[in-house]
Amino acid sequence: MWAPALRRLTGLFVLATALTLIGALLFGVALGADAARAISLGFYLTGSFLLVAGFFVGNRGPVRFRRESTAPLFWGSRFMRWASPVEREENINLSAIFVLLGFVLILVGVAADNRYNLL
């Protein structure tokens, strides 16, 4: 049970790291910035965004819209329902993944920042 979960988490980390690295390099080159600084700022910004997203996902309330029809959100019925225990557990798990991934990406940004020596 733990090995496949760790493998998926590692794959998610590698994917987020690769996308952040490529995006930061492309954006840094387009602006004419130093590559190392663009990479570290990219990891800082992406990690910070994931931390904030994890906070908001985890603080979502227990009330959900009851959508019984295919009408748009603002034109449909306004009745509310309580979230099921499975939905609440998914919110907490998703929040934990976002926070963990954001924290690790910030640490990668600290390691990639060449302005400071870690040792």
PDB file of N, CA and C in Angstrom:
ATOM      1  N   MET A   1       0.816  -1.179   0.000  1.00  0.00           N
ATOM      2  CA  MET A   1       0.000   0.000   0.000  1.00  0.00           C
ATOM      3  C   MET A   1       0.870   1.259   0.000  1.00  0.00           C
ATOM      4  N   TRP A   2       1.945   1.271   0.750  1.00  0.00           N
ATOM      5  CA  TRP A   2       2.775   2.471   0.854  1.00  0.00           C
ATOM      6  C   TRP A   2       3.671   2.662  -0.354  1.00  0.00           C
ATOM      7  N   ALA A   3       4.148   1.568  -0.943  1.00  0.00           N
ATOM      8  CA  ALA A   3       5.060   1.679  -2.088  1.00  0.00           C
ATOM      9  C   ALA A   3       4.389   2.337  -3.297  1.00  0.00           C
ATOM     10  N   PRO A   4       3.173   1.914  -3.695  1.00  0.00           N
ATOM     11  CA  PRO A   4       2.540   2.612  -4.828  1.00  0.00           C
ATOM     12  C   PRO A   4       2.216   4.074  -4.520  1.00  0.00           C
ATOM     13  N   ALA A   5       1.831   4.357  -3.279  1.00  0.00           N
ATOM     14  CA  ALA A   5       1.537   5.748  -2.912  1.00  0.00           C
ATOM     15  C   ALA A   5       2.799   6.604  -2.987  1.00  0.00           C
ATOM     16  N   LEU A   6       3.915   6.075  -2.507  1.00  0.00           N
ATOM     17  CA  LEU A   6       5.180   6.808  -2.580  1.00  0.00           C
ATOM     18  C   LEU A   6       5.626   6.990  -4.026  1.00  0.00           C
ATOM     19  N   ARG A   7       5.379   5.971  -4.858  1.00  0.00           N
ATOM     20  CA  ARG A   7       5.731   6.069  -6.273  1.00  0.00           C
ATOM     21  C   ARG A   7       4.891   7.157  -6.961  1.00  0.00           C
ATOM     22  N   ARG A   8       3.604   7.234  -6.659  1.00  0.00           N
ATOM     23  CA  ARG A   8       2.760   8.279  -7.245  1.00  0.00           C
ATOM     24  C   ARG A   8       3.171   9.661  -6.751  1.00  0.00           C
ATOM     25  N   LEU A   9       3.500   9.774  -5.473  1.00  0.00           N
ATOM     26  CA  LEU A   9       3.929  11.057  -4.932  1.00  0.00           C
ATOM     27  C   LEU A   9       5.252  11.500  -5.543  1.00  0.00           C
ATOM     28  N   THR A  10       6.154  10.561  -5.746  1.00  0.00           N
ATOM     29  CA  THR A  10       7.431  10.868  -6.388  1.00  0.00           C
ATOM     30  C   THR A  10       7.216  11.305  -7.837  1.00  0.00           C
ATOM     31  N   GLY A  11       6.323  10.627  -8.533  1.00  0.00           N
ATOM     32  CA  GLY A  11       6.012  11.025  -9.908  1.00  0.00           C
ATOM     33  C   GLY A  11       5.403  12.415  -9.971  1.00  0.00           C
ATOM     34  N   LEU A  12       4.530  12.727  -9.017  1.00  0.00           N
ATOM     35  CA  LEU A  12       3.937  14.057  -8.957  1.00  0.00           C
ATOM     36  C   LEU A  12       5.000  15.111  -8.674  1.00  0.00           C
ATOM     37  N   PHE A  13       5.926  14.803  -7.773  1.00  0.00           N
ATOM     38  CA  PHE A  13       7.011  15.731  -7.467  1.00  0.00           C
ATOM     39  C   PHE A  13       7.906  15.955  -8.684  1.00  0.00           C
ATOM     40  N   VAL A  14       8.250  14.882  -9.395  1.00  0.00           N
ATOM     41  CA  VAL A  14       9.105  15.003 -10.585  1.00  0.00           C
ATOM     42  C   VAL A  14       8.401  15.821 -11.662  1.00  0.00           C
ATOM     43  N   LEU A  15       7.106  15.567 -11.858  1.00  0.00           N
ATOM     44  CA  LEU A  15       6.353  16.319 -12.859  1.00  0.00           C
ATOM     45  C   LEU A  15       6.274  17.799 -12.493  1.00  0.00           C
ATOM     46  N   ALA A  16       5.979  18.110 -11.240  1.00  0.00           N
ATOM     47  CA  ALA A  16       5.894  19.512 -10.814  1.00  0.00           C
ATOM     48  C   ALA A  16       7.259  20.191 -10.922  1.00  0.00           C
ATOM     49  N   THR A  17       8.310  19.486 -10.576  1.00  0.00           N
ATOM     50  CA  THR A  17       9.658  20.047 -10.665  1.00  0.00           C
ATOM     51  C   THR A  17      10.037  20.320 -12.125  1.00  0.00           C
ATOM     52  N   ALA A  18       9.748  19.367 -13.008  1.00  0.00           N
ATOM     53  CA  ALA A  18      10.101  19.538 -14.414  1.00  0.00           C
ATOM     54  C   ALA A  18       9.312  20.682 -15.051  1.00  0.00           C
ATOM     55  N   LEU A  19       8.005  20.744 -14.778  1.00  0.00           N
ATOM     56  CA  LEU A  19       7.202  21.823 -15.348  1.00  0.00           C
ATOM     57  C   LEU A  19       7.625  23.186 -14.814  1.00  0.00           C
ATOM     58  N   THR A  20       7.938  23.252 -13.532  1.00  0.00           N
ATOM     59  CA  THR A  20       8.395  24.511 -12.950  1.00  0.00           C
ATOM     60  C   THR A  20       9.739  24.925 -13.537  1.00  0.00           C
ATOM     61  N   LEU A  21      10.630  23.980 -13.676  1.00  0.00           N
ATOM     62  CA  LEU A  21      11.956  24.268 -14.233  1.00  0.00           C
ATOM     63  C   LEU A  21      11.846  24.780 -15.667  1.00  0.00           C
ATOM     64  N   ILE A  22      11.071  24.101 -16.488  1.00  0.00           N
ATOM     65  CA  ILE A  22      10.921  24.514 -17.889  1.00  0.00           C
ATOM     66  C   ILE A  22      10.243  25.872 -17.975  1.00  0.00           C
ATOM     67  N   GLY A  23       9.155  26.047 -17.218  1.00  0.00           N
ATOM     68  CA  GLY A  23       8.443  27.325 -17.247  1.00  0.00           C
ATOM     69  C   GLY A  23       9.290  28.481 -16.763  1.00  0.00           C
ATOM     70  N   ALA A  24      10.049  28.249 -15.696  1.00  0.00           N
ATOM     71  CA  ALA A  24      10.903  29.308 -15.156  1.00  0.00           C
ATOM     72  C   ALA A  24      12.025  29.672 -16.135  1.00  0.00           C
ATOM     73  N   LEU A  25      12.594  28.664 -16.765  1.00  0.00           N
ATOM     74  CA  LEU A  25      13.649  28.947 -17.748  1.00  0.00           C
ATOM     75  C   LEU A  25      13.108  29.718 -18.943  1.00  0.00           C
ATOM     76  N   LEU A  26      11.961  29.298 -19.460  1.00  0.00           N
ATOM     77  CA  LEU A  26      11.385  30.008 -20.608  1.00  0.00           C
ATOM     78  C   LEU A  26      11.018  31.439 -20.247  1.00  0.00           C
ATOM     79  N   PHE A  27      10.414  31.630 -19.098  1.00  0.00           N
ATOM     80  CA  PHE A  27      10.023  32.966 -18.677  1.00  0.00           C
ATOM     81  C   PHE A  27      11.249  33.826 -18.380  1.00  0.00           C
ATOM     82  N   GLY A  28      12.274  33.217 -17.747  1.00  0.00           N
ATOM     83  CA  GLY A  28      13.494  33.961 -17.443  1.00  0.00           C
ATOM     84  C   GLY A  28      14.253  34.372 -18.690  1.00  0.00           C
ATOM     85  N   VAL A  29      14.327  33.482 -19.675  1.00  0.00           N
ATOM     86  CA  VAL A  29      15.009  33.807 -20.927  1.00  0.00           C
ATOM     87  C   VAL A  29      14.247  34.903 -21.672  1.00  0.00           C
ATOM     88  N   ALA A  30      12.908  34.823 -21.644  1.00  0.00           N
ATOM     89  CA  ALA A  30      12.103  35.837 -22.333  1.00  0.00           C
ATOM     90  C   ALA A  30      12.310  37.225 -21.720  1.00  0.00           C
ATOM     91  N   LEU A  31      12.546  37.274 -20.411  1.00  0.00           N
ATOM     92  CA  LEU A  31      12.766  38.561 -19.751  1.00  0.00           C
ATOM     93  C   LEU A  31      14.238  38.952 -19.678  1.00  0.00           C
ATOM     94  N   GLY A  32      15.130  38.065 -20.098  1.00  0.00           N
ATOM     95  CA  GLY A  32      16.552  38.363 -20.086  1.00  0.00           C
ATOM     96  C   GLY A  32      17.182  38.259 -18.712  1.00  0.00           C
ATOM     97  N   ALA A  33      16.605  37.456 -17.829  1.00  0.00           N
ATOM     98  CA  ALA A  33      17.126  37.309 -16.467  1.00  0.00           C
ATOM     99  C   ALA A  33      18.165  36.189 -16.414  1.00  0.00           C
ATOM    100  N   ASP A  34      18.907  36.161 -15.344  1.00  0.00           N
ATOM    101  CA  ASP A  34      19.862  35.093 -15.091  1.00  0.00           C
ATOM    102  C   ASP A  34      19.112  33.778 -14.906  1.00  0.00           C
ATOM    103  N   ALA A  35      19.616  32.705 -15.507  1.00  0.00           N
ATOM    104  CA  ALA A  35      18.912  31.422 -15.481  1.00  0.00           C
ATOM    105  C   ALA A  35      18.778  30.878 -14.064  1.00  0.00           C
ATOM    106  N   ALA A  36      19.834  30.951 -13.263  1.00  0.00           N
ATOM    107  CA  ALA A  36      19.779  30.417 -11.900  1.00  0.00           C
ATOM    108  C   ALA A  36      18.780  31.186 -11.048  1.00  0.00           C
ATOM    109  N   ARG A  37      18.742  32.489 -11.220  1.00  0.00           N
ATOM    110  CA  ARG A  37      17.785  33.299 -10.452  1.00  0.00           C
ATOM    111  C   ARG A  37      16.353  33.029 -10.909  1.00  0.00           C
ATOM    112  N   ALA A  38      16.149  32.858 -12.210  1.00  0.00           N
ATOM    113  CA  ALA A  38      14.813  32.561 -12.723  1.00  0.00           C
ATOM    114  C   ALA A  38      14.320  31.212 -12.213  1.00  0.00           C
ATOM    115  N   ILE A  39      15.215  30.238 -12.133  1.00  0.00           N
ATOM    116  CA  ILE A  39      14.838  28.915 -11.634  1.00  0.00           C
ATOM    117  C   ILE A  39      14.454  28.983 -10.169  1.00  0.00           C
ATOM    118  N   SER A  40      15.258  29.648  -9.361  1.00  0.00           N
ATOM    119  CA  SER A  40      14.943  29.724  -7.932  1.00  0.00           C
ATOM    120  C   SER A  40      13.650  30.485  -7.690  1.00  0.00           C
ATOM    121  N   LEU A  41      13.436  31.579  -8.418  1.00  0.00           N
ATOM    122  CA  LEU A  41      12.181  32.322  -8.276  1.00  0.00           C
ATOM    123  C   LEU A  41      10.983  31.510  -8.751  1.00  0.00           C
ATOM    124  N   GLY A  42      11.168  30.726  -9.799  1.00  0.00           N
ATOM    125  CA  GLY A  42      10.089  29.861 -10.272  1.00  0.00           C
ATOM    126  C   GLY A  42       9.677  28.841  -9.228  1.00  0.00           C
ATOM    127  N   PHE A  43      10.666  28.243  -8.565  1.00  0.00           N
ATOM    128  CA  PHE A  43      10.345  27.279  -7.502  1.00  0.00           C
ATOM    129  C   PHE A  43       9.708  27.967  -6.301  1.00  0.00           C
ATOM    130  N   TYR A  44      10.178  29.148  -5.956  1.00  0.00           N
ATOM    131  CA  TYR A  44       9.568  29.900  -4.846  1.00  0.00           C
ATOM    132  C   TYR A  44       8.103  30.213  -5.144  1.00  0.00           C
ATOM    133  N   LEU A  45       7.851  30.733  -6.339  1.00  0.00           N
ATOM    134  CA  LEU A  45       6.487  31.133  -6.696  1.00  0.00           C
ATOM    135  C   LEU A  45       5.548  29.940  -6.801  1.00  0.00           C
ATOM    136  N   THR A  46       5.996  28.863  -7.433  1.00  0.00           N
ATOM    137  CA  THR A  46       5.154  27.682  -7.564  1.00  0.00           C
ATOM    138  C   THR A  46       4.883  27.044  -6.209  1.00  0.00           C
ATOM    139  N   GLY A  47       5.915  26.941  -5.381  1.00  0.00           N
ATOM    140  CA  GLY A  47       5.724  26.377  -4.042  1.00  0.00           C
ATOM    141  C   GLY A  47       4.798  27.218  -3.193  1.00  0.00           C
ATOM    142  N   SER A  48       4.940  28.530  -3.273  1.00  0.00           N
ATOM    143  CA  SER A  48       4.061  29.422  -2.509  1.00  0.00           C
ATOM    144  C   SER A  48       2.621  29.313  -2.989  1.00  0.00           C
ATOM    145  N   PHE A  49       2.435  29.231  -4.305  1.00  0.00           N
ATOM    146  CA  PHE A  49       1.086  29.075  -4.833  1.00  0.00           C
ATOM    147  C   PHE A  49       0.448  27.779  -4.343  1.00  0.00           C
ATOM    148  N   LEU A  50       1.224  26.689  -4.345  1.00  0.00           N
ATOM    149  CA  LEU A  50       0.671  25.409  -3.882  1.00  0.00           C
ATOM    150  C   LEU A  50       0.365  25.432  -2.391  1.00  0.00           C
ATOM    151  N   LEU A  51       1.180  26.130  -1.605  1.00  0.00           N
ATOM    152  CA  LEU A  51       0.872  26.261  -0.177  1.00  0.00           C
ATOM    153  C   LEU A  51      -0.434  27.009   0.046  1.00  0.00           C
ATOM    154  N   VAL A  52      -0.625  28.100  -0.658  1.00  0.00           N
ATOM    155  CA  VAL A  52      -1.868  28.879  -0.518  1.00  0.00           C
ATOM    156  C   VAL A  52      -3.059  28.063  -1.030  1.00  0.00           C
ATOM    157  N   ALA A  53      -2.885  27.364  -2.155  1.00  0.00           N
ATOM    158  CA  ALA A  53      -3.967  26.531  -2.681  1.00  0.00           C
ATOM    159  C   ALA A  53      -4.322  25.417  -1.694  1.00  0.00           C
ATOM    160  N   GLY A  54      -3.318  24.822  -1.070  1.00  0.00           N
ATOM    161  CA  GLY A  54      -3.581  23.791  -0.066  1.00  0.00           C
ATOM    162  C   GLY A  54      -4.329  24.332   1.126  1.00  0.00           C
ATOM    163  N   PHE A  55      -4.027  25.559   1.524  1.00  0.00           N
ATOM    164  CA  PHE A  55      -4.743  26.184   2.635  1.00  0.00           C
ATOM    165  C   PHE A  55      -6.216  26.369   2.288  1.00  0.00           C
ATOM    166  N   PHE A  56      -6.490  26.898   1.102  1.00  0.00           N
ATOM    167  CA  PHE A  56      -7.874  27.154   0.728  1.00  0.00           C
ATOM    168  C   PHE A  56      -8.653  25.877   0.450  1.00  0.00           C
ATOM    169  N   VAL A  57      -8.016  24.871  -0.112  1.00  0.00           N
ATOM    170  CA  VAL A  57      -8.705  23.595  -0.334  1.00  0.00           C
ATOM    171  C   VAL A  57      -9.031  22.940   1.006  1.00  0.00           C
ATOM    172  N   GLY A  58      -8.118  23.023   1.944  1.00  0.00           N
ATOM    173  CA  GLY A  58      -8.344  22.406   3.247  1.00  0.00           C
ATOM    174  C   GLY A  58      -9.366  23.133   4.088  1.00  0.00           C
ATOM    175  N   ASN A  59      -9.588  24.414   3.830  1.00  0.00           N
ATOM    176  CA  ASN A  59     -10.550  25.190   4.613  1.00  0.00           C
ATOM    177  C   ASN A  59     -11.904  25.321   3.938  1.00  0.00           C
ATOM    178  N   ARG A  60     -12.155  24.510   2.960  1.00  0.00           N
ATOM    179  CA  ARG A  60     -13.466  24.543   2.315  1.00  0.00           C
ATOM    180  C   ARG A  60     -14.499  24.033   3.304  1.00  0.00           C
ATOM    181  N   GLY A  61     -15.599  24.698   3.373  1.00  0.00           N
ATOM    182  CA  GLY A  61     -16.637  24.359   4.338  1.00  0.00           C
ATOM    183  C   GLY A  61     -17.337  23.044   4.039  1.00  0.00           C
ATOM    184  N   PRO A  62     -18.169  22.584   4.968  1.00  0.00           N
ATOM    185  CA  PRO A  62     -18.836  21.291   4.795  1.00  0.00           C
ATOM    186  C   PRO A  62     -20.112  21.366   3.960  1.00  0.00           C
ATOM    187  N   VAL A  63     -20.463  22.534   3.442  1.00  0.00           N
ATOM    188  CA  VAL A  63     -21.704  22.693   2.687  1.00  0.00           C
ATOM    189  C   VAL A  63     -21.378  22.746   1.198  1.00  0.00           C
ATOM    190  N   ARG A  64     -22.175  22.014   0.404  1.00  0.00           N
ATOM    191  CA  ARG A  64     -21.991  21.968  -1.044  1.00  0.00           C
ATOM    192  C   ARG A  64     -23.300  22.349  -1.725  1.00  0.00           C
ATOM    193  N   PHE A  65     -23.198  22.785  -2.985  1.00  0.00           N
ATOM    194  CA  PHE A  65     -24.391  23.030  -3.775  1.00  0.00           C
ATOM    195  C   PHE A  65     -25.028  21.699  -4.151  1.00  0.00           C
ATOM    196  N   ARG A  66     -26.336  21.675  -4.143  1.00  0.00           N
ATOM    197  CA  ARG A  66     -27.053  20.497  -4.622  1.00  0.00           C
ATOM    198  C   ARG A  66     -27.411  20.788  -6.071  1.00  0.00           C
ATOM    199  N   ARG A  67     -26.756  20.107  -6.971  1.00  0.00           N
ATOM    200  CA  ARG A  67     -26.965  20.347  -8.400  1.00  0.00           C
ATOM    201  C   ARG A  67     -27.718  19.161  -8.972  1.00  0.00           C
ATOM    202  N   GLU A  68     -29.006  19.289  -9.041  1.00  0.00           N
ATOM    203  CA  GLU A  68     -29.831  18.200  -9.550  1.00  0.00           C
ATOM    204  C   GLU A  68     -30.099  18.324 -11.042  1.00  0.00           C
ATOM    205  N   SER A  69     -29.896  19.499 -11.595  1.00  0.00           N
ATOM    206  CA  SER A  69     -30.151  19.692 -13.016  1.00  0.00           C
ATOM    207  C   SER A  69     -28.864  20.109 -13.705  1.00  0.00           C
ATOM    208  N   THR A  70     -28.949  20.252 -15.004  1.00  0.00           N
ATOM    209  CA  THR A  70     -27.776  20.677 -15.773  1.00  0.00           C
ATOM    210  C   THR A  70     -27.783  22.179 -15.995  1.00  0.00           C
ATOM    211  N   ALA A  71     -28.650  22.901 -15.281  1.00  0.00           N
ATOM    212  CA  ALA A  71     -28.712  24.352 -15.404  1.00  0.00           C
ATOM    213  C   ALA A  71     -27.418  24.959 -14.874  1.00  0.00           C
ATOM    214  N   PRO A  72     -27.054  26.140 -15.379  1.00  0.00           N
ATOM    215  CA  PRO A  72     -25.854  26.801 -14.862  1.00  0.00           C
ATOM    216  C   PRO A  72     -25.957  27.052 -13.358  1.00  0.00           C
ATOM    217  N   LEU A  73     -24.833  27.271 -12.752  1.00  0.00           N
ATOM    218  CA  LEU A  73     -24.760  27.402 -11.296  1.00  0.00           C
ATOM    219  C   LEU A  73     -25.663  28.521 -10.775  1.00  0.00           C
ATOM    220  N   PHE A  74     -25.695  29.649 -11.440  1.00  0.00           N
ATOM    221  CA  PHE A  74     -26.453  30.779 -10.924  1.00  0.00           C
ATOM    222  C   PHE A  74     -27.942  30.698 -11.245  1.00  0.00           C
ATOM    223  N   TRP A  75     -28.330  29.845 -12.186  1.00  0.00           N
ATOM    224  CA  TRP A  75     -29.738  29.742 -12.549  1.00  0.00           C
ATOM    225  C   TRP A  75     -30.393  28.503 -11.960  1.00  0.00           C
ATOM    226  N   GLY A  76     -29.621  27.585 -11.442  1.00  0.00           N
ATOM    227  CA  GLY A  76     -30.183  26.357 -10.885  1.00  0.00           C
ATOM    228  C   GLY A  76     -30.751  26.586  -9.500  1.00  0.00           C
ATOM    229  N   SER A  77     -31.102  25.496  -8.869  1.00  0.00           N
ATOM    230  CA  SER A  77     -31.669  25.622  -7.526  1.00  0.00           C
ATOM    231  C   SER A  77     -30.569  26.017  -6.551  1.00  0.00           C
ATOM    232  N   ARG A  78     -30.945  26.732  -5.515  1.00  0.00           N
ATOM    233  CA  ARG A  78     -29.993  27.239  -4.539  1.00  0.00           C
ATOM    234  C   ARG A  78     -29.950  26.381  -3.279  1.00  0.00           C
ATOM    235  N   PHE A  79     -30.471  25.190  -3.342  1.00  0.00           N
ATOM    236  CA  PHE A  79     -30.481  24.346  -2.160  1.00  0.00           C
ATOM    237  C   PHE A  79     -29.089  23.821  -1.879  1.00  0.00           C
ATOM    238  N   MET A  80     -28.816  23.660  -0.626  1.00  0.00           N
ATOM    239  CA  MET A  80     -27.495  23.219  -0.194  1.00  0.00           C
ATOM    240  C   MET A  80     -27.603  21.830   0.417  1.00  0.00           C
ATOM    241  N   ARG A  81     -26.471  21.163   0.494  1.00  0.00           N
ATOM    242  CA  ARG A  81     -26.404  19.860   1.149  1.00  0.00           C
ATOM    243  C   ARG A  81     -25.106  19.773   1.921  1.00  0.00           C
ATOM    244  N   TRP A  82     -25.049  18.858   2.860  1.00  0.00           N
ATOM    245  CA  TRP A  82     -23.822  18.629   3.612  1.00  0.00           C
ATOM    246  C   TRP A  82     -22.918  17.709   2.812  1.00  0.00           C
ATOM    247  N   ALA A  83     -21.631  17.965   2.857  1.00  0.00           N
ATOM    248  CA  ALA A  83     -20.665  17.118   2.161  1.00  0.00           C
ATOM    249  C   ALA A  83     -20.605  15.759   2.845  1.00  0.00           C
ATOM    250  N   SER A  84     -20.410  14.746   2.035  1.00  0.00           N
ATOM    251  CA  SER A  84     -20.298  13.400   2.589  1.00  0.00           C
ATOM    252  C   SER A  84     -18.934  13.245   3.260  1.00  0.00           C
ATOM    253  N   PRO A  85     -18.804  12.254   4.126  1.00  0.00           N
ATOM    254  CA  PRO A  85     -17.488  12.032   4.753  1.00  0.00           C
ATOM    255  C   PRO A  85     -16.386  11.753   3.730  1.00  0.00           C
ATOM    256  N   VAL A  86     -16.734  11.123   2.627  1.00  0.00           N
ATOM    257  CA  VAL A  86     -15.735  10.847   1.588  1.00  0.00           C
ATOM    258  C   VAL A  86     -15.262  12.155   0.953  1.00  0.00           C
ATOM    259  N   GLU A  87     -16.184  13.090   0.698  1.00  0.00           N
ATOM    260  CA  GLU A  87     -15.800  14.382   0.129  1.00  0.00           C
ATOM    261  C   GLU A  87     -14.930  15.179   1.080  1.00  0.00           C
ATOM    262  N   ARG A  88     -15.246  15.143   2.353  1.00  0.00           N
ATOM    263  CA  ARG A  88     -14.425  15.865   3.334  1.00  0.00           C
ATOM    264  C   ARG A  88     -13.038  15.248   3.444  1.00  0.00           C
ATOM    265  N   GLU A  89     -12.963  13.920   3.392  1.00  0.00           N
ATOM    266  CA  GLU A  89     -11.656  13.254   3.461  1.00  0.00           C
ATOM    267  C   GLU A  89     -10.823  13.564   2.217  1.00  0.00           C
ATOM    268  N   GLU A  90     -11.460  13.613   1.054  1.00  0.00           N
ATOM    269  CA  GLU A  90     -10.739  13.971  -0.174  1.00  0.00           C
ATOM    270  C   GLU A  90     -10.191  15.388  -0.102  1.00  0.00           C
ATOM    271  N   ASN A  91     -10.953  16.316   0.471  1.00  0.00           N
ATOM    272  CA  ASN A  91     -10.475  17.695   0.618  1.00  0.00           C
ATOM    273  C   ASN A  91      -9.248  17.759   1.506  1.00  0.00           C
ATOM    274  N   ILE A  92      -9.273  17.044   2.610  1.00  0.00           N
ATOM    275  CA  ILE A  92      -8.122  17.050   3.524  1.00  0.00           C
ATOM    276  C   ILE A  92      -6.908  16.411   2.857  1.00  0.00           C
ATOM    277  N   ASN A  93      -7.122  15.298   2.151  1.00  0.00           N
ATOM    278  CA  ASN A  93      -5.997  14.634   1.480  1.00  0.00           C
ATOM    279  C   ASN A  93      -5.401  15.503   0.373  1.00  0.00           C
ATOM    280  N   LEU A  94      -6.266  16.146  -0.410  1.00  0.00           N
ATOM    281  CA  LEU A  94      -5.772  17.030  -1.466  1.00  0.00           C
ATOM    282  C   LEU A  94      -5.016  18.216  -0.882  1.00  0.00           C
ATOM    283  N   SER A  95      -5.516  18.745   0.221  1.00  0.00           N
ATOM    284  CA  SER A  95      -4.835  19.847   0.891  1.00  0.00           C
ATOM    285  C   SER A  95      -3.453  19.417   1.374  1.00  0.00           C
ATOM    286  N   ALA A  96      -3.358  18.228   1.942  1.00  0.00           N
ATOM    287  CA  ALA A  96      -2.062  17.732   2.420  1.00  0.00           C
ATOM    288  C   ALA A  96      -1.073  17.557   1.276  1.00  0.00           C
ATOM    289  N   ILE A  97      -1.547  17.074   0.134  1.00  0.00           N
ATOM    290  CA  ILE A  97      -0.659  16.897  -1.016  1.00  0.00           C
ATOM    291  C   ILE A  97      -0.169  18.252  -1.514  1.00  0.00           C
ATOM    292  N   PHE A  98      -1.071  19.233  -1.625  1.00  0.00           N
ATOM    293  CA  PHE A  98      -0.667  20.564  -2.073  1.00  0.00           C
ATOM    294  C   PHE A  98       0.350  21.194  -1.130  1.00  0.00           C
ATOM    295  N   VAL A  99       0.101  21.093   0.165  1.00  0.00           N
ATOM    296  CA  VAL A  99       1.009  21.708   1.144  1.00  0.00           C
ATOM    297  C   VAL A  99       2.371  21.010   1.111  1.00  0.00           C
ATOM    298  N   LEU A 100       2.381  19.695   1.076  1.00  0.00           N
ATOM    299  CA  LEU A 100       3.650  18.968   1.034  1.00  0.00           C
ATOM    300  C   LEU A 100       4.432  19.292  -0.232  1.00  0.00           C
ATOM    301  N   LEU A 101       3.750  19.268  -1.371  1.00  0.00           N
ATOM    302  CA  LEU A 101       4.429  19.567  -2.633  1.00  0.00           C
ATOM    303  C   LEU A 101       4.925  21.006  -2.669  1.00  0.00           C
ATOM    304  N   GLY A 102       4.132  21.939  -2.159  1.00  0.00           N
ATOM    305  CA  GLY A 102       4.564  23.336  -2.113  1.00  0.00           C
ATOM    306  C   GLY A 102       5.774  23.534  -1.225  1.00  0.00           C
ATOM    307  N   PHE A 103       5.769  22.888  -0.055  1.00  0.00           N
ATOM    308  CA  PHE A 103       6.902  23.011   0.860  1.00  0.00           C
ATOM    309  C   PHE A 103       8.170  22.429   0.242  1.00  0.00           C
ATOM    310  N   VAL A 104       8.058  21.286  -0.415  1.00  0.00           N
ATOM    311  CA  VAL A 104       9.232  20.664  -1.043  1.00  0.00           C
ATOM    312  C   VAL A 104       9.737  21.526  -2.196  1.00  0.00           C
ATOM    313  N   LEU A 105       8.831  22.120  -2.975  1.00  0.00           N
ATOM    314  CA  LEU A 105       9.287  22.979  -4.074  1.00  0.00           C
ATOM    315  C   LEU A 105       9.981  24.239  -3.556  1.00  0.00           C
ATOM    316  N   ILE A 106       9.526  24.766  -2.441  1.00  0.00           N
ATOM    317  CA  ILE A 106      10.231  25.909  -1.842  1.00  0.00           C
ATOM    318  C   ILE A 106      11.622  25.489  -1.384  1.00  0.00           C
ATOM    319  N   LEU A 107      11.742  24.293  -0.823  1.00  0.00           N
ATOM    320  CA  LEU A 107      13.070  23.797  -0.422  1.00  0.00           C
ATOM    321  C   LEU A 107      13.975  23.612  -1.637  1.00  0.00           C
ATOM    322  N   VAL A 108      13.423  23.148  -2.744  1.00  0.00           N
ATOM    323  CA  VAL A 108      14.216  23.019  -3.976  1.00  0.00           C
ATOM    324  C   VAL A 108      14.650  24.407  -4.447  1.00  0.00           C
ATOM    325  N   GLY A 109      13.764  25.392  -4.319  1.00  0.00           N
ATOM    326  CA  GLY A 109      14.125  26.763  -4.674  1.00  0.00           C
ATOM    327  C   GLY A 109      15.237  27.305  -3.809  1.00  0.00           C
ATOM    328  N   VAL A 110      15.217  26.976  -2.523  1.00  0.00           N
ATOM    329  CA  VAL A 110      16.295  27.403  -1.625  1.00  0.00           C
ATOM    330  C   VAL A 110      17.610  26.745  -2.039  1.00  0.00           C
ATOM    331  N   ALA A 111      17.549  25.462  -2.382  1.00  0.00           N
ATOM    332  CA  ALA A 111      18.761  24.761  -2.808  1.00  0.00           C
ATOM    333  C   ALA A 111      19.273  25.285  -4.150  1.00  0.00           C
ATOM    334  N   ALA A 112      18.365  25.737  -5.029  1.00  0.00           N
ATOM    335  CA  ALA A 112      18.774  26.231  -6.343  1.00  0.00           C
ATOM    336  C   ALA A 112      19.239  27.678  -6.303  1.00  0.00           C
ATOM    337  N   ASP A 113      18.944  28.392  -5.234  1.00  0.00           N
ATOM    338  CA  ASP A 113      19.313  29.804  -5.137  1.00  0.00           C
ATOM    339  C   ASP A 113      20.817  29.913  -4.910  1.00  0.00           C
ATOM    340  N   ASN A 114      21.517  30.529  -5.846  1.00  0.00           N
ATOM    341  CA  ASN A 114      22.980  30.595  -5.751  1.00  0.00           C
ATOM    342  C   ASN A 114      23.467  31.836  -5.006  1.00  0.00           C
ATOM    343  N   ARG A 115      22.568  32.630  -4.456  1.00  0.00           N
ATOM    344  CA  ARG A 115      22.990  33.818  -3.707  1.00  0.00           C
ATOM    345  C   ARG A 115      23.489  33.457  -2.306  1.00  0.00           C
ATOM    346  N   TYR A 116      23.064  32.306  -1.807  1.00  0.00           N
ATOM    347  CA  TYR A 116      23.423  31.899  -0.451  1.00  0.00           C
ATOM    348  C   TYR A 116      24.032  30.506  -0.472  1.00  0.00           C
ATOM    349  N   ASN A 117      25.006  30.286   0.414  1.00  0.00           N
ATOM    350  CA  ASN A 117      25.602  28.956   0.564  1.00  0.00           C
ATOM    351  C   ASN A 117      24.836  28.196   1.640  1.00  0.00           C
ATOM    352  N   LEU A 118      24.506  26.947   1.358  1.00  0.00           N
ATOM    353  CA  LEU A 118      23.767  26.152   2.336  1.00  0.00           C
ATOM    354  C   LEU A 118      24.668  25.572   3.412  1.00  0.00           C
ATOM    355  N   LEU A 119      25.933  25.395   3.097  1.00  0.00           N
ATOM    356  CA  LEU A 119      26.846  24.790   4.085  1.00  0.00           C
ATOM    357  C   LEU A 119      27.867  25.788   4.566  1.00  0.00           C
TER     358      LEU A 119
END
